[in-house]
Amino acid sequence: MVRSVCMRLLPILLALPSGIAWAETERQQELRHLVKHDCGSCHGLTLQGGLGPSLTPDRLKPFTAEQLAMTIVHGRPGTAMPPWLPFLSETEAVWLAQGLKEGVFP
């Protein structure tokens, strides 16, 4: 599964010019798609939980966006949660984590 995700994201990442602003609308749409389809494959399409835990605002309340971002970029060793650092910057991971905490996904 991780390999197929890598293969889908690699062309997108290679096409991005270096120094691109992470908050550009097109990139945000790509990140939203990633949350729904890639995160959703384990955490449930509505992020209510599945193989992985729920990613609802109530569930994530005890954690800071920075703590969640570290989990996103480094994964969780010993679990099915892979590291996403090869595909996301730390800034993008914080943006995703803030969105999850605020309930803006999916």
PDB file of N, CA and C in Angstrom:
ATOM      1  N   MET A   1       0.817  -1.187   0.000  1.00  0.00           N
ATOM      2  CA  MET A   1       0.000   0.000   0.000  1.00  0.00           C
ATOM      3  C   MET A   1       0.862   1.253   0.000  1.00  0.00           C
ATOM      4  N   VAL A   2       1.855   1.310   0.856  1.00  0.00           N
ATOM      5  CA  VAL A   2       2.719   2.488   0.926  1.00  0.00           C
ATOM      6  C   VAL A   2       3.419   2.699  -0.401  1.00  0.00           C
ATOM      7  N   ARG A   3       3.857   1.600  -1.022  1.00  0.00           N
ATOM      8  CA  ARG A   3       4.553   1.720  -2.306  1.00  0.00           C
ATOM      9  C   ARG A   3       3.624   2.296  -3.369  1.00  0.00           C
ATOM     10  N   SER A   4       2.357   1.881  -3.402  1.00  0.00           N
ATOM     11  CA  SER A   4       1.433   2.407  -4.407  1.00  0.00           C
ATOM     12  C   SER A   4       1.170   3.889  -4.169  1.00  0.00           C
ATOM     13  N   VAL A   5       1.100   4.295  -2.916  1.00  0.00           N
ATOM     14  CA  VAL A   5       0.930   5.706  -2.592  1.00  0.00           C
ATOM     15  C   VAL A   5       2.145   6.484  -3.075  1.00  0.00           C
ATOM     16  N   CYS A   6       3.317   5.944  -2.815  1.00  0.00           N
ATOM     17  CA  CYS A   6       4.556   6.592  -3.245  1.00  0.00           C
ATOM     18  C   CYS A   6       4.567   6.777  -4.754  1.00  0.00           C
ATOM     19  N   MET A   7       4.186   5.751  -5.463  1.00  0.00           N
ATOM     20  CA  MET A   7       4.208   5.809  -6.916  1.00  0.00           C
ATOM     21  C   MET A   7       3.203   6.816  -7.457  1.00  0.00           C
ATOM     22  N   ARG A   8       2.073   7.002  -6.758  1.00  0.00           N
ATOM     23  CA  ARG A   8       1.081   7.996  -7.203  1.00  0.00           C
ATOM     24  C   ARG A   8       1.535   9.411  -6.899  1.00  0.00           C
ATOM     25  N   LEU A   9       2.212   9.612  -5.778  1.00  0.00           N
ATOM     26  CA  LEU A   9       2.606  10.953  -5.375  1.00  0.00           C
ATOM     27  C   LEU A   9       3.917  11.410  -5.999  1.00  0.00           C
ATOM     28  N   LEU A  10       4.784  10.508  -6.363  1.00  0.00           N
ATOM     29  CA  LEU A  10       6.094  10.867  -6.880  1.00  0.00           C
ATOM     30  C   LEU A  10       6.017  11.800  -8.085  1.00  0.00           C
ATOM     31  N   PRO A  11       5.194  11.522  -9.109  1.00  0.00           N
ATOM     32  CA  PRO A  11       5.137  12.445 -10.246  1.00  0.00           C
ATOM     33  C   PRO A  11       4.668  13.842  -9.852  1.00  0.00           C
ATOM     34  N   ILE A  12       3.751  13.916  -8.900  1.00  0.00           N
ATOM     35  CA  ILE A  12       3.262  15.217  -8.435  1.00  0.00           C
ATOM     36  C   ILE A  12       4.391  15.985  -7.771  1.00  0.00           C
ATOM     37  N   LEU A  13       5.120  15.319  -6.900  1.00  0.00           N
ATOM     38  CA  LEU A  13       6.195  15.984  -6.177  1.00  0.00           C
ATOM     39  C   LEU A  13       7.338  16.379  -7.095  1.00  0.00           C
ATOM     40  N   LEU A  14       7.656  15.556  -8.071  1.00  0.00           N
ATOM     41  CA  LEU A  14       8.733  15.884  -8.997  1.00  0.00           C
ATOM     42  C   LEU A  14       8.366  17.050  -9.903  1.00  0.00           C
ATOM     43  N   ALA A  15       7.077  17.231 -10.152  1.00  0.00           N
ATOM     44  CA  ALA A  15       6.625  18.311 -11.022  1.00  0.00           C
ATOM     45  C   ALA A  15       6.590  19.664 -10.317  1.00  0.00           C
ATOM     46  N   LEU A  16       6.638  19.663  -8.997  1.00  0.00           N
ATOM     47  CA  LEU A  16       6.578  20.918  -8.252  1.00  0.00           C
ATOM     48  C   LEU A  16       7.904  21.658  -8.345  1.00  0.00           C
ATOM     49  N   PRO A  17       7.861  22.944  -8.670  1.00  0.00           N
ATOM     50  CA  PRO A  17       9.105  23.700  -8.669  1.00  0.00           C
ATOM     51  C   PRO A  17       9.623  23.855  -7.249  1.00  0.00           C
ATOM     52  N   SER A  18      10.929  23.919  -7.090  1.00  0.00           N
ATOM     53  CA  SER A  18      11.464  24.080  -5.737  1.00  0.00           C
ATOM     54  C   SER A  18      11.074  25.453  -5.217  1.00  0.00           C
ATOM     55  N   GLY A  19      10.844  25.525  -3.916  1.00  0.00           N
ATOM     56  CA  GLY A  19      10.473  26.786  -3.290  1.00  0.00           C
ATOM     57  C   GLY A  19       9.003  27.134  -3.447  1.00  0.00           C
ATOM     58  N   ILE A  20       8.189  26.218  -3.943  1.00  0.00           N
ATOM     59  CA  ILE A  20       6.767  26.516  -4.119  1.00  0.00           C
ATOM     60  C   ILE A  20       6.128  26.802  -2.759  1.00  0.00           C
ATOM     61  N   ALA A  21       5.238  27.755  -2.718  1.00  0.00           N
ATOM     62  CA  ALA A  21       4.543  28.089  -1.472  1.00  0.00           C
ATOM     63  C   ALA A  21       3.595  26.955  -1.136  1.00  0.00           C
ATOM     64  N   TRP A  22       3.672  26.453   0.096  1.00  0.00           N
ATOM     65  CA  TRP A  22       2.867  25.295   0.478  1.00  0.00           C
ATOM     66  C   TRP A  22       1.391  25.604   0.508  1.00  0.00           C
ATOM     67  N   ALA A  23       1.010  26.864   0.647  1.00  0.00           N
ATOM     68  CA  ALA A  23      -0.393  27.214   0.814  1.00  0.00           C
ATOM     69  C   ALA A  23      -1.108  27.465  -0.514  1.00  0.00           C
ATOM     70  N   GLU A  24      -0.471  27.195  -1.634  1.00  0.00           N
ATOM     71  CA  GLU A  24      -1.129  27.427  -2.909  1.00  0.00           C
ATOM     72  C   GLU A  24      -2.346  26.523  -3.030  1.00  0.00           C
ATOM     73  N   THR A  25      -3.382  27.048  -3.618  1.00  0.00           N
ATOM     74  CA  THR A  25      -4.657  26.347  -3.712  1.00  0.00           C
ATOM     75  C   THR A  25      -4.513  24.970  -4.346  1.00  0.00           C
ATOM     76  N   GLU A  26      -3.759  24.855  -5.424  1.00  0.00           N
ATOM     77  CA  GLU A  26      -3.603  23.555  -6.077  1.00  0.00           C
ATOM     78  C   GLU A  26      -2.966  22.539  -5.134  1.00  0.00           C
ATOM     79  N   ARG A  27      -1.945  22.945  -4.401  1.00  0.00           N
ATOM     80  CA  ARG A  27      -1.296  22.017  -3.470  1.00  0.00           C
ATOM     81  C   ARG A  27      -2.245  21.653  -2.335  1.00  0.00           C
ATOM     82  N   GLN A  28      -3.017  22.614  -1.851  1.00  0.00           N
ATOM     83  CA  GLN A  28      -3.985  22.309  -0.804  1.00  0.00           C
ATOM     84  C   GLN A  28      -4.988  21.277  -1.293  1.00  0.00           C
ATOM     85  N   GLN A  29      -5.415  21.389  -2.541  1.00  0.00           N
ATOM     86  CA  GLN A  29      -6.339  20.400  -3.090  1.00  0.00           C
ATOM     87  C   GLN A  29      -5.682  19.030  -3.145  1.00  0.00           C
ATOM     88  N   GLU A  30      -4.410  18.987  -3.507  1.00  0.00           N
ATOM     89  CA  GLU A  30      -3.685  17.712  -3.525  1.00  0.00           C
ATOM     90  C   GLU A  30      -3.621  17.123  -2.124  1.00  0.00           C
ATOM     91  N   LEU A  31      -3.366  17.974  -1.125  1.00  0.00           N
ATOM     92  CA  LEU A  31      -3.283  17.497   0.250  1.00  0.00           C
ATOM     93  C   LEU A  31      -4.643  17.029   0.757  1.00  0.00           C
ATOM     94  N   ARG A  32      -5.699  17.723   0.385  1.00  0.00           N
ATOM     95  CA  ARG A  32      -7.053  17.291   0.760  1.00  0.00           C
ATOM     96  C   ARG A  32      -7.358  15.920   0.153  1.00  0.00           C
ATOM     97  N   HIS A  33      -6.950  15.736  -1.099  1.00  0.00           N
ATOM     98  CA  HIS A  33      -7.138  14.443  -1.770  1.00  0.00           C
ATOM     99  C   HIS A  33      -6.361  13.359  -1.026  1.00  0.00           C
ATOM    100  N   LEU A  34      -5.148  13.679  -0.610  1.00  0.00           N
ATOM    101  CA  LEU A  34      -4.322  12.732   0.136  1.00  0.00           C
ATOM    102  C   LEU A  34      -5.024  12.315   1.426  1.00  0.00           C
ATOM    103  N   VAL A  35      -5.589  13.280   2.147  1.00  0.00           N
ATOM    104  CA  VAL A  35      -6.281  12.958   3.402  1.00  0.00           C
ATOM    105  C   VAL A  35      -7.453  12.023   3.136  1.00  0.00           C
ATOM    106  N   LYS A  36      -8.260  12.368   2.162  1.00  0.00           N
ATOM    107  CA  LYS A  36      -9.457  11.558   1.905  1.00  0.00           C
ATOM    108  C   LYS A  36      -9.100  10.153   1.438  1.00  0.00           C
ATOM    109  N   HIS A  37      -8.192  10.050   0.488  1.00  0.00           N
ATOM    110  CA  HIS A  37      -7.947   8.754  -0.132  1.00  0.00           C
ATOM    111  C   HIS A  37      -6.837   7.948   0.532  1.00  0.00           C
ATOM    112  N   ASP A  38      -5.759   8.600   0.906  1.00  0.00           N
ATOM    113  CA  ASP A  38      -4.637   7.853   1.473  1.00  0.00           C
ATOM    114  C   ASP A  38      -4.792   7.689   2.985  1.00  0.00           C
ATOM    115  N   CYS A  39      -5.047   8.778   3.687  1.00  0.00           N
ATOM    116  CA  CYS A  39      -5.284   8.650   5.138  1.00  0.00           C
ATOM    117  C   CYS A  39      -6.587   7.878   5.373  1.00  0.00           C
ATOM    118  N   GLY A  40      -7.594   8.192   4.539  1.00  0.00           N
ATOM    119  CA  GLY A  40      -8.895   7.549   4.673  1.00  0.00           C
ATOM    120  C   GLY A  40      -8.868   6.043   4.463  1.00  0.00           C
ATOM    121  N   SER A  41      -7.851   5.551   3.729  1.00  0.00           N
ATOM    122  CA  SER A  41      -7.794   4.111   3.505  1.00  0.00           C
ATOM    123  C   SER A  41      -7.557   3.351   4.808  1.00  0.00           C
ATOM    124  N   CYS A  42      -6.926   3.965   5.778  1.00  0.00           N
ATOM    125  CA  CYS A  42      -6.717   3.325   7.086  1.00  0.00           C
ATOM    126  C   CYS A  42      -7.596   3.926   8.188  1.00  0.00           C
ATOM    127  N   HIS A  43      -7.796   5.228   8.128  1.00  0.00           N
ATOM    128  CA  HIS A  43      -8.526   5.917   9.195  1.00  0.00           C
ATOM    129  C   HIS A  43     -10.016   6.047   8.883  1.00  0.00           C
ATOM    130  N   GLY A  44     -10.453   5.464   7.772  1.00  0.00           N
ATOM    131  CA  GLY A  44     -11.853   5.532   7.360  1.00  0.00           C
ATOM    132  C   GLY A  44     -12.086   6.727   6.457  1.00  0.00           C
ATOM    133  N   LEU A  45     -12.922   6.561   5.449  1.00  0.00           N
ATOM    134  CA  LEU A  45     -13.142   7.640   4.476  1.00  0.00           C
ATOM    135  C   LEU A  45     -13.721   8.895   5.111  1.00  0.00           C
ATOM    136  N   THR A  46     -14.399   8.744   6.241  1.00  0.00           N
ATOM    137  CA  THR A  46     -14.897   9.917   6.960  1.00  0.00           C
ATOM    138  C   THR A  46     -14.034  10.215   8.185  1.00  0.00           C
ATOM    139  N   LEU A  47     -12.891   9.538   8.272  1.00  0.00           N
ATOM    140  CA  LEU A  47     -11.905   9.712   9.345  1.00  0.00           C
ATOM    141  C   LEU A  47     -12.457   9.343  10.727  1.00  0.00           C
ATOM    142  N   GLN A  48     -13.480   8.490  10.741  1.00  0.00           N
ATOM    143  CA  GLN A  48     -14.083   8.041  11.996  1.00  0.00           C
ATOM    144  C   GLN A  48     -13.359   6.835  12.582  1.00  0.00           C
ATOM    145  N   GLY A  49     -12.342   6.350  11.880  1.00  0.00           N
ATOM    146  CA  GLY A  49     -11.583   5.212  12.360  1.00  0.00           C
ATOM    147  C   GLY A  49     -11.758   4.013  11.455  1.00  0.00           C
ATOM    148  N   GLY A  50     -10.810   3.125  11.525  1.00  0.00           N
ATOM    149  CA  GLY A  50     -10.795   1.906  10.722  1.00  0.00           C
ATOM    150  C   GLY A  50      -9.634   1.086  11.230  1.00  0.00           C
ATOM    151  N   LEU A  51      -8.704   0.734  10.341  1.00  0.00           N
ATOM    152  CA  LEU A  51      -7.469   0.083  10.779  1.00  0.00           C
ATOM    153  C   LEU A  51      -6.730   1.012  11.742  1.00  0.00           C
ATOM    154  N   GLY A  52      -6.722   2.294  11.398  1.00  0.00           N
ATOM    155  CA  GLY A  52      -6.125   3.317  12.263  1.00  0.00           C
ATOM    156  C   GLY A  52      -7.200   3.996  13.095  1.00  0.00           C
ATOM    157  N   PRO A  53      -6.788   4.749  14.104  1.00  0.00           N
ATOM    158  CA  PRO A  53      -7.770   5.403  14.982  1.00  0.00           C
ATOM    159  C   PRO A  53      -8.509   6.539  14.282  1.00  0.00           C
ATOM    160  N   SER A  54      -9.575   6.973  14.893  1.00  0.00           N
ATOM    161  CA  SER A  54     -10.351   8.114  14.430  1.00  0.00           C
ATOM    162  C   SER A  54      -9.462   9.361  14.390  1.00  0.00           C
ATOM    163  N   LEU A  55      -9.704  10.211  13.406  1.00  0.00           N
ATOM    164  CA  LEU A  55      -8.980  11.479  13.306  1.00  0.00           C
ATOM    165  C   LEU A  55      -9.938  12.655  13.432  1.00  0.00           C
ATOM    166  N   THR A  56     -10.932  12.502  14.279  1.00  0.00           N
ATOM    167  CA  THR A  56     -11.908  13.565  14.507  1.00  0.00           C
ATOM    168  C   THR A  56     -11.334  14.604  15.464  1.00  0.00           C
ATOM    169  N   PRO A  57     -11.868  15.826  15.420  1.00  0.00           N
ATOM    170  CA  PRO A  57     -11.378  16.865  16.331  1.00  0.00           C
ATOM    171  C   PRO A  57     -11.440  16.462  17.803  1.00  0.00           C
ATOM    172  N   ASP A  58     -12.505  15.781  18.226  1.00  0.00           N
ATOM    173  CA  ASP A  58     -12.599  15.350  19.628  1.00  0.00           C
ATOM    174  C   ASP A  58     -11.471  14.398  19.991  1.00  0.00           C
ATOM    175  N   ARG A  59     -11.184  13.463  19.121  1.00  0.00           N
ATOM    176  CA  ARG A  59     -10.119  12.476  19.371  1.00  0.00           C
ATOM    177  C   ARG A  59      -8.739  13.133  19.402  1.00  0.00           C
ATOM    178  N   LEU A  60      -8.564  14.184  18.576  1.00  0.00           N
ATOM    179  CA  LEU A  60      -7.251  14.830  18.454  1.00  0.00           C
ATOM    180  C   LEU A  60      -7.058  16.003  19.415  1.00  0.00           C
ATOM    181  N   LYS A  61      -8.083  16.341  20.162  1.00  0.00           N
ATOM    182  CA  LYS A  61      -8.035  17.494  21.070  1.00  0.00           C
ATOM    183  C   LYS A  61      -6.831  17.494  22.020  1.00  0.00           C
ATOM    184  N   PRO A  62      -6.446  16.351  22.587  1.00  0.00           N
ATOM    185  CA  PRO A  62      -5.324  16.371  23.540  1.00  0.00           C
ATOM    186  C   PRO A  62      -3.955  16.664  22.911  1.00  0.00           C
ATOM    187  N   PHE A  63      -3.881  16.632  21.588  1.00  0.00           N
ATOM    188  CA  PHE A  63      -2.592  16.778  20.913  1.00  0.00           C
ATOM    189  C   PHE A  63      -2.475  18.134  20.235  1.00  0.00           C
ATOM    190  N   THR A  64      -1.262  18.679  20.225  1.00  0.00           N
ATOM    191  CA  THR A  64      -1.024  19.907  19.478  1.00  0.00           C
ATOM    192  C   THR A  64      -0.880  19.568  17.999  1.00  0.00           C
ATOM    193  N   ALA A  65      -1.040  20.562  17.154  1.00  0.00           N
ATOM    194  CA  ALA A  65      -0.848  20.343  15.717  1.00  0.00           C
ATOM    195  C   ALA A  65       0.583  19.893  15.443  1.00  0.00           C
ATOM    196  N   GLU A  66       1.528  20.404  16.209  1.00  0.00           N
ATOM    197  CA  GLU A  66       2.927  20.024  16.012  1.00  0.00           C
ATOM    198  C   GLU A  66       3.158  18.554  16.379  1.00  0.00           C
ATOM    199  N   GLN A  67       2.525  18.093  17.444  1.00  0.00           N
ATOM    200  CA  GLN A  67       2.648  16.681  17.814  1.00  0.00           C
ATOM    201  C   GLN A  67       2.055  15.785  16.732  1.00  0.00           C
ATOM    202  N   LEU A  68       0.902  16.165  16.224  1.00  0.00           N
ATOM    203  CA  LEU A  68       0.271  15.385  15.166  1.00  0.00           C
ATOM    204  C   LEU A  68       1.118  15.405  13.899  1.00  0.00           C
ATOM    205  N   ALA A  69       1.693  16.565  13.594  1.00  0.00           N
ATOM    206  CA  ALA A  69       2.545  16.681  12.407  1.00  0.00           C
ATOM    207  C   ALA A  69       3.752  15.761  12.514  1.00  0.00           C
ATOM    208  N   MET A  70       4.310  15.623  13.690  1.00  0.00           N
ATOM    209  CA  MET A  70       5.455  14.723  13.867  1.00  0.00           C
ATOM    210  C   MET A  70       5.045  13.274  13.601  1.00  0.00           C
ATOM    211  N   THR A  71       3.838  12.910  14.017  1.00  0.00           N
ATOM    212  CA  THR A  71       3.340  11.567  13.724  1.00  0.00           C
ATOM    213  C   THR A  71       3.152  11.398  12.221  1.00  0.00           C
ATOM    214  N   ILE A  72       2.637  12.424  11.562  1.00  0.00           N
ATOM    215  CA  ILE A  72       2.429  12.351  10.115  1.00  0.00           C
ATOM    216  C   ILE A  72       3.768  12.174   9.397  1.00  0.00           C
ATOM    217  N   VAL A  73       4.757  12.989   9.719  1.00  0.00           N
ATOM    218  CA  VAL A  73       6.008  12.925   8.949  1.00  0.00           C
ATOM    219  C   VAL A  73       6.887  11.746   9.325  1.00  0.00           C
ATOM    220  N   HIS A  74       6.821  11.280  10.575  1.00  0.00           N
ATOM    221  CA  HIS A  74       7.707  10.193  11.012  1.00  0.00           C
ATOM    222  C   HIS A  74       6.997   8.849  11.156  1.00  0.00           C
ATOM    223  N   GLY A  75       5.662   8.838  11.064  1.00  0.00           N
ATOM    224  CA  GLY A  75       4.926   7.594  11.225  1.00  0.00           C
ATOM    225  C   GLY A  75       4.933   7.134  12.674  1.00  0.00           C
ATOM    226  N   ARG A  76       4.464   5.922  12.878  1.00  0.00           N
ATOM    227  CA  ARG A  76       4.448   5.316  14.218  1.00  0.00           C
ATOM    228  C   ARG A  76       5.078   3.937  14.104  1.00  0.00           C
ATOM    229  N   PRO A  77       6.339   3.815  14.498  1.00  0.00           N
ATOM    230  CA  PRO A  77       7.016   2.514  14.404  1.00  0.00           C
ATOM    231  C   PRO A  77       6.216   1.427  15.125  1.00  0.00           C
ATOM    232  N   GLY A  78       6.187   0.261  14.528  1.00  0.00           N
ATOM    233  CA  GLY A  78       5.471  -0.859  15.116  1.00  0.00           C
ATOM    234  C   GLY A  78       3.989  -0.876  14.782  1.00  0.00           C
ATOM    235  N   THR A  79       3.543   0.110  13.983  1.00  0.00           N
ATOM    236  CA  THR A  79       2.138   0.156  13.562  1.00  0.00           C
ATOM    237  C   THR A  79       2.094   0.248  12.037  1.00  0.00           C
ATOM    238  N   ALA A  80       0.898   0.299  11.497  1.00  0.00           N
ATOM    239  CA  ALA A  80       0.732   0.437  10.048  1.00  0.00           C
ATOM    240  C   ALA A  80       0.905   1.879   9.575  1.00  0.00           C
ATOM    241  N   MET A  81       1.115   2.829  10.505  1.00  0.00           N
ATOM    242  CA  MET A  81       1.252   4.239  10.132  1.00  0.00           C
ATOM    243  C   MET A  81       2.638   4.500   9.561  1.00  0.00           C
ATOM    244  N   PRO A  82       2.709   4.772   8.226  1.00  0.00           N
ATOM    245  CA  PRO A  82       4.007   5.008   7.602  1.00  0.00           C
ATOM    246  C   PRO A  82       4.469   6.451   7.783  1.00  0.00           C
ATOM    247  N   PRO A  83       5.750   6.703   7.602  1.00  0.00           N
ATOM    248  CA  PRO A  83       6.227   8.091   7.590  1.00  0.00           C
ATOM    249  C   PRO A  83       5.875   8.746   6.252  1.00  0.00           C
ATOM    250  N   TRP A  84       5.351   9.940   6.304  1.00  0.00           N
ATOM    251  CA  TRP A  84       4.957  10.657   5.090  1.00  0.00           C
ATOM    252  C   TRP A  84       5.973  11.726   4.696  1.00  0.00           C
ATOM    253  N   LEU A  85       7.079  11.843   5.415  1.00  0.00           N
ATOM    254  CA  LEU A  85       8.083  12.866   5.120  1.00  0.00           C
ATOM    255  C   LEU A  85       8.570  12.833   3.674  1.00  0.00           C
ATOM    256  N   PRO A  86       8.693  11.680   3.039  1.00  0.00           N
ATOM    257  CA  PRO A  86       9.131  11.720   1.641  1.00  0.00           C
ATOM    258  C   PRO A  86       8.138  12.440   0.718  1.00  0.00           C
ATOM    259  N   PHE A  87       6.902  12.617   1.167  1.00  0.00           N
ATOM    260  CA  PHE A  87       5.854  13.165   0.306  1.00  0.00           C
ATOM    261  C   PHE A  87       5.316  14.509   0.762  1.00  0.00           C
ATOM    262  N   LEU A  88       5.602  14.877   2.002  1.00  0.00           N
ATOM    263  CA  LEU A  88       5.092  16.116   2.590  1.00  0.00           C
ATOM    264  C   LEU A  88       6.217  16.843   3.298  1.00  0.00           C
ATOM    265  N   SER A  89       6.152  18.143   3.266  1.00  0.00           N
ATOM    266  CA  SER A  89       7.079  18.909   4.094  1.00  0.00           C
ATOM    267  C   SER A  89       6.521  18.959   5.517  1.00  0.00           C
ATOM    268  N   GLU A  90       7.349  19.339   6.455  1.00  0.00           N
ATOM    269  CA  GLU A  90       6.867  19.470   7.834  1.00  0.00           C
ATOM    270  C   GLU A  90       5.804  20.571   7.921  1.00  0.00           C
ATOM    271  N   THR A  91       5.959  21.626   7.132  1.00  0.00           N
ATOM    272  CA  THR A  91       4.974  22.707   7.112  1.00  0.00           C
ATOM    273  C   THR A  91       3.625  22.202   6.608  1.00  0.00           C
ATOM    274  N   GLU A  92       3.657  21.380   5.567  1.00  0.00           N
ATOM    275  CA  GLU A  92       2.415  20.800   5.054  1.00  0.00           C
ATOM    276  C   GLU A  92       1.786  19.877   6.084  1.00  0.00           C
ATOM    277  N   ALA A  93       2.602  19.138   6.797  1.00  0.00           N
ATOM    278  CA  ALA A  93       2.082  18.240   7.832  1.00  0.00           C
ATOM    279  C   ALA A  93       1.399  19.033   8.939  1.00  0.00           C
ATOM    280  N   VAL A  94       1.953  20.170   9.319  1.00  0.00           N
ATOM    281  CA  VAL A  94       1.321  21.022  10.332  1.00  0.00           C
ATOM    282  C   VAL A  94      -0.012  21.547   9.798  1.00  0.00           C
ATOM    283  N   TRP A  95      -0.037  21.953   8.532  1.00  0.00           N
ATOM    284  CA  TRP A  95      -1.281  22.429   7.906  1.00  0.00           C
ATOM    285  C   TRP A  95      -2.348  21.329   7.949  1.00  0.00           C
ATOM    286  N   LEU A  96      -1.950  20.107   7.601  1.00  0.00           N
ATOM    287  CA  LEU A  96      -2.882  18.979   7.658  1.00  0.00           C
ATOM    288  C   LEU A  96      -3.358  18.730   9.085  1.00  0.00           C
ATOM    289  N   ALA A  97      -2.432  18.743  10.021  1.00  0.00           N
ATOM    290  CA  ALA A  97      -2.777  18.494  11.423  1.00  0.00           C
ATOM    291  C   ALA A  97      -3.753  19.554  11.942  1.00  0.00           C
ATOM    292  N   GLN A  98      -3.513  20.814  11.601  1.00  0.00           N
ATOM    293  CA  GLN A  98      -4.429  21.874  12.023  1.00  0.00           C
ATOM    294  C   GLN A  98      -5.809  21.663  11.425  1.00  0.00           C
ATOM    295  N   GLY A  99      -5.839  21.265  10.149  1.00  0.00           N
ATOM    296  CA  GLY A  99      -7.122  20.993   9.496  1.00  0.00           C
ATOM    297  C   GLY A  99      -7.850  19.831  10.149  1.00  0.00           C
ATOM    298  N   LEU A 100      -7.118  18.790  10.520  1.00  0.00           N
ATOM    299  CA  LEU A 100      -7.743  17.663  11.210  1.00  0.00           C
ATOM    300  C   LEU A 100      -8.305  18.090  12.556  1.00  0.00           C
ATOM    301  N   LYS A 101      -7.541  18.888  13.303  1.00  0.00           N
ATOM    302  CA  LYS A 101      -8.000  19.368  14.604  1.00  0.00           C
ATOM    303  C   LYS A 101      -9.243  20.249  14.480  1.00  0.00           C
ATOM    304  N   GLU A 102      -9.339  20.982  13.366  1.00  0.00           N
ATOM    305  CA  GLU A 102     -10.474  21.884  13.154  1.00  0.00           C
ATOM    306  C   GLU A 102     -11.651  21.196  12.465  1.00  0.00           C
ATOM    307  N   GLY A 103     -11.455  19.971  12.028  1.00  0.00           N
ATOM    308  CA  GLY A 103     -12.540  19.229  11.391  1.00  0.00           C
ATOM    309  C   GLY A 103     -12.827  19.648   9.951  1.00  0.00           C
ATOM    310  N   VAL A 104     -11.849  20.201   9.249  1.00  0.00           N
ATOM    311  CA  VAL A 104     -12.100  20.637   7.875  1.00  0.00           C
ATOM    312  C   VAL A 104     -11.954  19.513   6.853  1.00  0.00           C
ATOM    313  N   PHE A 105     -11.475  18.346   7.286  1.00  0.00           N
ATOM    314  CA  PHE A 105     -11.374  17.184   6.403  1.00  0.00           C
ATOM    315  C   PHE A 105     -12.392  16.159   6.858  1.00  0.00           C
ATOM    316  N   PRO A 106     -12.892  15.300   6.059  1.00  0.00           N
ATOM    317  CA  PRO A 106     -12.736  15.230   4.611  1.00  0.00           C
ATOM    318  C   PRO A 106     -13.637  16.169   3.877  1.00  0.00           C
TER     319      PRO A 106
END
